Amino acid sequence: MTVKDELMGLLRQFTTETDRYVDVASERDSLYRTDLHALSIMIGAAQAGLTVTPGLLREELNLSSPATTALVDRLDSAGHVTRRRSDVDRRQVHLEMTDRARATGAALFAPLARHINGVFDEYSEEQLALLRDMLQGVTDATVAAKNETAGNAAAS
């Protein structure tokens, strides 16, 4: 078995274990997997200075309009997001995470972050930079494969 084969196996195992973690964490707080994905997207958007709209969530999560409405309603009812009309275009709704959502997210992912940071602490900055670059490349390759697969499905 080559190192590349071992890495592919470890990536598959990491994906499986991440899914299992999300299942356990979301069940504890009665959240659906899609709810957690939506909150993750909102965190990333906030860090990038982007405004989150239901349309952005629909596109990012590949949901139908009714499913997106149900998702936003669930997050709103649970106190994780608030809806606010745009100051520029009153027809557009902006979604904002609440302090409760941030606290829930922190509680859900703090154990995972703590354990992973413990692993990171074992490596030098140069090694971590190499790993960062590799993970970015793997992520980019995964997005390219997704887009290729989606394109092939649309052509069929």
C-alpha atoms as a PDB file:
ATOM      1  CA  MET A   1       0.000   0.000   0.000  1.00  0.00           C
ATOM      2  CA  THR A   2       1.351   3.417  -0.940  1.00  0.00           C
ATOM      3  CA  VAL A   3       1.309   6.526   1.216  1.00  0.00           C
ATOM      4  CA  LYS A   4      -1.260   7.978  -1.216  1.00  0.00           C
ATOM      5  CA  ASP A   5      -3.486   4.933  -0.624  1.00  0.00           C
ATOM      6  CA  GLU A   6      -3.090   5.355   3.125  1.00  0.00           C
ATOM      7  CA  LEU A   7      -3.958   9.059   2.875  1.00  0.00           C
ATOM      8  CA  MET A   8      -7.087   8.300   0.831  1.00  0.00           C
ATOM      9  CA  GLY A   9      -8.115   5.751   3.463  1.00  0.00           C
ATOM     10  CA  LEU A  10      -7.502   8.242   6.262  1.00  0.00           C
ATOM     11  CA  LEU A  11      -9.517  10.918   4.444  1.00  0.00           C
ATOM     12  CA  ARG A  12     -12.427   8.476   4.089  1.00  0.00           C
ATOM     13  CA  GLN A  13     -12.153   7.569   7.764  1.00  0.00           C
ATOM     14  CA  PHE A  14     -11.950  11.243   8.772  1.00  0.00           C
ATOM     15  CA  THR A  15     -15.091  12.005   6.741  1.00  0.00           C
ATOM     16  CA  THR A  16     -16.940   9.099   8.357  1.00  0.00           C
ATOM     17  CA  GLU A  17     -15.867  10.064  11.873  1.00  0.00           C
ATOM     18  CA  THR A  18     -16.755  13.710  11.266  1.00  0.00           C
ATOM     19  CA  ASP A  19     -20.232  12.647  10.137  1.00  0.00           C
ATOM     20  CA  ARG A  20     -20.587  10.500  13.255  1.00  0.00           C
ATOM     21  CA  TYR A  21     -19.501  13.397  15.462  1.00  0.00           C
ATOM     22  CA  VAL A  22     -22.010  15.743  13.843  1.00  0.00           C
ATOM     23  CA  ASP A  23     -24.753  13.130  14.312  1.00  0.00           C
ATOM     24  CA  VAL A  24     -23.995  12.780  18.028  1.00  0.00           C
ATOM     25  CA  ALA A  25     -23.562  16.518  18.590  1.00  0.00           C
ATOM     26  CA  SER A  26     -26.697  17.498  16.682  1.00  0.00           C
ATOM     27  CA  GLU A  27     -28.825  14.852  18.399  1.00  0.00           C
ATOM     28  CA  ARG A  28     -27.779  16.179  21.795  1.00  0.00           C
ATOM     29  CA  ASP A  29     -29.162  19.620  20.918  1.00  0.00           C
ATOM     30  CA  SER A  30     -32.080  18.408  18.772  1.00  0.00           C
ATOM     31  CA  LEU A  31     -30.677  19.975  15.609  1.00  0.00           C
ATOM     32  CA  TYR A  32     -30.831  18.516  12.148  1.00  0.00           C
ATOM     33  CA  ARG A  33     -27.624  18.041  10.165  1.00  0.00           C
ATOM     34  CA  THR A  34     -28.867  20.670   7.698  1.00  0.00           C
ATOM     35  CA  ASP A  35     -29.347  23.113  10.597  1.00  0.00           C
ATOM     36  CA  LEU A  36     -25.704  22.680  11.578  1.00  0.00           C
ATOM     37  CA  HIS A  37     -24.571  23.080   7.982  1.00  0.00           C
ATOM     38  CA  ALA A  38     -26.614  26.275   7.720  1.00  0.00           C
ATOM     39  CA  LEU A  39     -25.080  27.684  10.894  1.00  0.00           C
ATOM     40  CA  SER A  40     -21.617  26.753   9.632  1.00  0.00           C
ATOM     41  CA  ILE A  41     -22.304  28.587   6.372  1.00  0.00           C
ATOM     42  CA  MET A  42     -23.508  31.597   8.331  1.00  0.00           C
ATOM     43  CA  ILE A  43     -20.332  31.613  10.455  1.00  0.00           C
ATOM     44  CA  GLY A  44     -18.173  31.451   7.333  1.00  0.00           C
ATOM     45  CA  ALA A  45     -20.179  34.196   5.647  1.00  0.00           C
ATOM     46  CA  ALA A  46     -19.899  36.439   8.716  1.00  0.00           C
ATOM     47  CA  GLN A  47     -16.129  35.908   8.822  1.00  0.00           C
ATOM     48  CA  ALA A  48     -15.963  36.848   5.119  1.00  0.00           C
ATOM     49  CA  GLY A  49     -18.142  39.933   5.699  1.00  0.00           C
ATOM     50  CA  LEU A  50     -20.988  38.556   3.565  1.00  0.00           C
ATOM     51  CA  THR A  51     -24.691  39.029   4.159  1.00  0.00           C
ATOM     52  CA  VAL A  52     -26.607  35.790   4.595  1.00  0.00           C
ATOM     53  CA  THR A  53     -29.951  35.485   2.852  1.00  0.00           C
ATOM     54  CA  PRO A  54     -32.283  32.525   2.454  1.00  0.00           C
ATOM     55  CA  GLY A  55     -31.156  32.442  -1.188  1.00  0.00           C
ATOM     56  CA  LEU A  56     -27.527  32.005  -0.156  1.00  0.00           C
ATOM     57  CA  LEU A  57     -28.461  29.121   2.137  1.00  0.00           C
ATOM     58  CA  ARG A  58     -30.590  27.561  -0.618  1.00  0.00           C
ATOM     59  CA  GLU A  59     -27.671  27.647  -3.047  1.00  0.00           C
ATOM     60  CA  GLU A  60     -25.014  26.532  -0.571  1.00  0.00           C
ATOM     61  CA  LEU A  61     -27.120  23.676   0.805  1.00  0.00           C
ATOM     62  CA  ASN A  62     -28.683  22.743  -2.542  1.00  0.00           C
ATOM     63  CA  LEU A  63     -32.206  22.990  -1.129  1.00  0.00           C
ATOM     64  CA  SER A  64     -35.532  23.770  -2.713  1.00  0.00           C
ATOM     65  CA  SER A  65     -37.250  27.030  -1.792  1.00  0.00           C
ATOM     66  CA  PRO A  66     -39.813  25.271   0.458  1.00  0.00           C
ATOM     67  CA  ALA A  67     -37.041  23.301   2.216  1.00  0.00           C
ATOM     68  CA  THR A  68     -35.081  26.524   2.739  1.00  0.00           C
ATOM     69  CA  THR A  69     -38.144  28.219   4.222  1.00  0.00           C
ATOM     70  CA  ALA A  70     -38.643  25.263   6.581  1.00  0.00           C
ATOM     71  CA  LEU A  71     -34.966  25.410   7.579  1.00  0.00           C
ATOM     72  CA  VAL A  72     -35.057  29.153   8.307  1.00  0.00           C
ATOM     73  CA  ASP A  73     -38.355  28.743  10.203  1.00  0.00           C
ATOM     74  CA  ARG A  74     -36.780  25.987  12.347  1.00  0.00           C
ATOM     75  CA  LEU A  75     -33.673  28.050  13.074  1.00  0.00           C
ATOM     76  CA  ASP A  76     -35.804  31.100  13.865  1.00  0.00           C
ATOM     77  CA  SER A  77     -38.166  29.142  16.148  1.00  0.00           C
ATOM     78  CA  ALA A  78     -35.180  27.629  17.965  1.00  0.00           C
ATOM     79  CA  GLY A  79     -33.757  31.104  18.541  1.00  0.00           C
ATOM     80  CA  HIS A  80     -30.667  30.538  16.359  1.00  0.00           C
ATOM     81  CA  VAL A  81     -31.345  33.185  13.709  1.00  0.00           C
ATOM     82  CA  THR A  82     -33.260  36.386  13.336  1.00  0.00           C
ATOM     83  CA  ARG A  83     -34.747  37.740  10.138  1.00  0.00           C
ATOM     84  CA  ARG A  84     -34.232  41.371   9.231  1.00  0.00           C
ATOM     85  CA  ARG A  85     -35.348  43.278   6.166  1.00  0.00           C
ATOM     86  CA  SER A  86     -32.579  44.826   4.095  1.00  0.00           C
ATOM     87  CA  ASP A  87     -32.155  48.549   4.566  1.00  0.00           C
ATOM     88  CA  VAL A  88     -31.495  48.851   0.812  1.00  0.00           C
ATOM     89  CA  ASP A  89     -34.150  46.524  -0.593  1.00  0.00           C
ATOM     90  CA  ARG A  90     -37.021  45.870   1.814  1.00  0.00           C
ATOM     91  CA  ARG A  91     -38.015  42.780  -0.184  1.00  0.00           C
ATOM     92  CA  GLN A  92     -34.776  41.038   0.726  1.00  0.00           C
ATOM     93  CA  VAL A  93     -34.461  39.215   4.046  1.00  0.00           C
ATOM     94  CA  HIS A  94     -31.134  39.076   5.871  1.00  0.00           C
ATOM     95  CA  LEU A  95     -30.440  36.318   8.355  1.00  0.00           C
ATOM     96  CA  GLU A  96     -28.332  36.913  11.423  1.00  0.00           C
ATOM     97  CA  MET A  97     -27.071  34.381  13.919  1.00  0.00           C
ATOM     98  CA  THR A  98     -28.082  34.978  17.508  1.00  0.00           C
ATOM     99  CA  ASP A  99     -25.895  34.759  20.588  1.00  0.00           C
ATOM    100  CA  ARG A 100     -27.729  31.527  21.360  1.00  0.00           C
ATOM    101  CA  ALA A 101     -26.617  30.044  18.022  1.00  0.00           C
ATOM    102  CA  ARG A 102     -23.028  31.062  18.680  1.00  0.00           C
ATOM    103  CA  ALA A 103     -23.152  29.551  22.168  1.00  0.00           C
ATOM    104  CA  THR A 104     -24.724  26.347  20.843  1.00  0.00           C
ATOM    105  CA  GLY A 105     -22.120  26.120  18.085  1.00  0.00           C
ATOM    106  CA  ALA A 106     -19.308  26.668  20.544  1.00  0.00           C
ATOM    107  CA  ALA A 107     -20.683  23.994  22.878  1.00  0.00           C
ATOM    108  CA  LEU A 108     -21.184  21.551  20.013  1.00  0.00           C
ATOM    109  CA  PHE A 109     -17.765  21.926  18.484  1.00  0.00           C
ATOM    110  CA  ALA A 110     -15.553  22.831  21.464  1.00  0.00           C
ATOM    111  CA  PRO A 111     -14.678  19.185  22.217  1.00  0.00           C
ATOM    112  CA  LEU A 112     -13.774  18.553  18.584  1.00  0.00           C
ATOM    113  CA  ALA A 113     -11.693  21.737  18.365  1.00  0.00           C
ATOM    114  CA  ARG A 114      -9.939  20.940  21.641  1.00  0.00           C
ATOM    115  CA  HIS A 115      -8.955  17.450  20.516  1.00  0.00           C
ATOM    116  CA  ILE A 116      -7.858  18.541  17.044  1.00  0.00           C
ATOM    117  CA  ASN A 117      -5.883  21.484  18.449  1.00  0.00           C
ATOM    118  CA  GLY A 118      -4.129  18.995  20.723  1.00  0.00           C
ATOM    119  CA  VAL A 119      -2.966  17.164  17.616  1.00  0.00           C
ATOM    120  CA  PHE A 120      -1.938  20.422  15.908  1.00  0.00           C
ATOM    121  CA  ASP A 121       0.174  21.308  18.959  1.00  0.00           C
ATOM    122  CA  GLU A 122       2.428  18.328  18.148  1.00  0.00           C
ATOM    123  CA  TYR A 123       3.591  19.885  14.856  1.00  0.00           C
ATOM    124  CA  SER A 124       5.755  22.848  13.890  1.00  0.00           C
ATOM    125  CA  GLU A 125       4.373  25.907  12.102  1.00  0.00           C
ATOM    126  CA  GLU A 126       6.092  24.746   8.897  1.00  0.00           C
ATOM    127  CA  GLN A 127       4.475  21.314   9.131  1.00  0.00           C
ATOM    128  CA  LEU A 128       1.094  22.868   9.826  1.00  0.00           C
ATOM    129  CA  ALA A 129       1.508  25.189   6.829  1.00  0.00           C
ATOM    130  CA  LEU A 130       2.213  22.138   4.638  1.00  0.00           C
ATOM    131  CA  LEU A 131      -0.864  20.386   6.017  1.00  0.00           C
ATOM    132  CA  ARG A 132      -2.944  23.532   5.466  1.00  0.00           C
ATOM    133  CA  ASP A 133      -1.824  23.706   1.848  1.00  0.00           C
ATOM    134  CA  MET A 134      -2.560  20.007   1.329  1.00  0.00           C
ATOM    135  CA  LEU A 135      -6.025  20.278   2.891  1.00  0.00           C
ATOM    136  CA  GLN A 136      -6.801  23.322   0.763  1.00  0.00           C
ATOM    137  CA  GLY A 137      -5.753  21.365  -2.332  1.00  0.00           C
ATOM    138  CA  VAL A 138      -7.847  18.362  -1.271  1.00  0.00           C
ATOM    139  CA  THR A 139     -10.827  20.648  -0.649  1.00  0.00           C
ATOM    140  CA  ASP A 140     -10.395  22.320  -4.043  1.00  0.00           C
ATOM    141  CA  ALA A 141     -10.124  18.890  -5.706  1.00  0.00           C
ATOM    142  CA  THR A 142     -13.310  17.769  -3.939  1.00  0.00           C
ATOM    143  CA  VAL A 143     -15.185  20.856  -5.166  1.00  0.00           C
ATOM    144  CA  ALA A 144     -13.900  20.233  -8.714  1.00  0.00           C
ATOM    145  CA  ALA A 145     -15.049  16.592  -8.549  1.00  0.00           C
ATOM    146  CA  LYS A 146     -18.465  17.703  -7.246  1.00  0.00           C
ATOM    147  CA  ASN A 147     -18.834  20.216 -10.062  1.00  0.00           C
ATOM    148  CA  GLU A 148     -17.748  17.635 -12.633  1.00  0.00           C
ATOM    149  CA  THR A 149     -20.211  15.099 -11.262  1.00  0.00           C
ATOM    150  CA  ALA A 150     -23.004  17.674 -11.222  1.00  0.00           C
ATOM    151  CA  GLY A 151     -22.175  18.610 -14.809  1.00  0.00           C
ATOM    152  CA  ASN A 152     -22.230  14.967 -15.886  1.00  0.00           C
ATOM    153  CA  ALA A 153     -25.565  14.434 -14.131  1.00  0.00           C
ATOM    154  CA  ALA A 154     -27.052  17.485 -15.855  1.00  0.00           C
ATOM    155  CA  ALA A 155     -25.831  16.266 -19.249  1.00  0.00           C
ATOM    156  CA  SER A 156     -27.436  12.838 -18.772  1.00  0.00           C
END
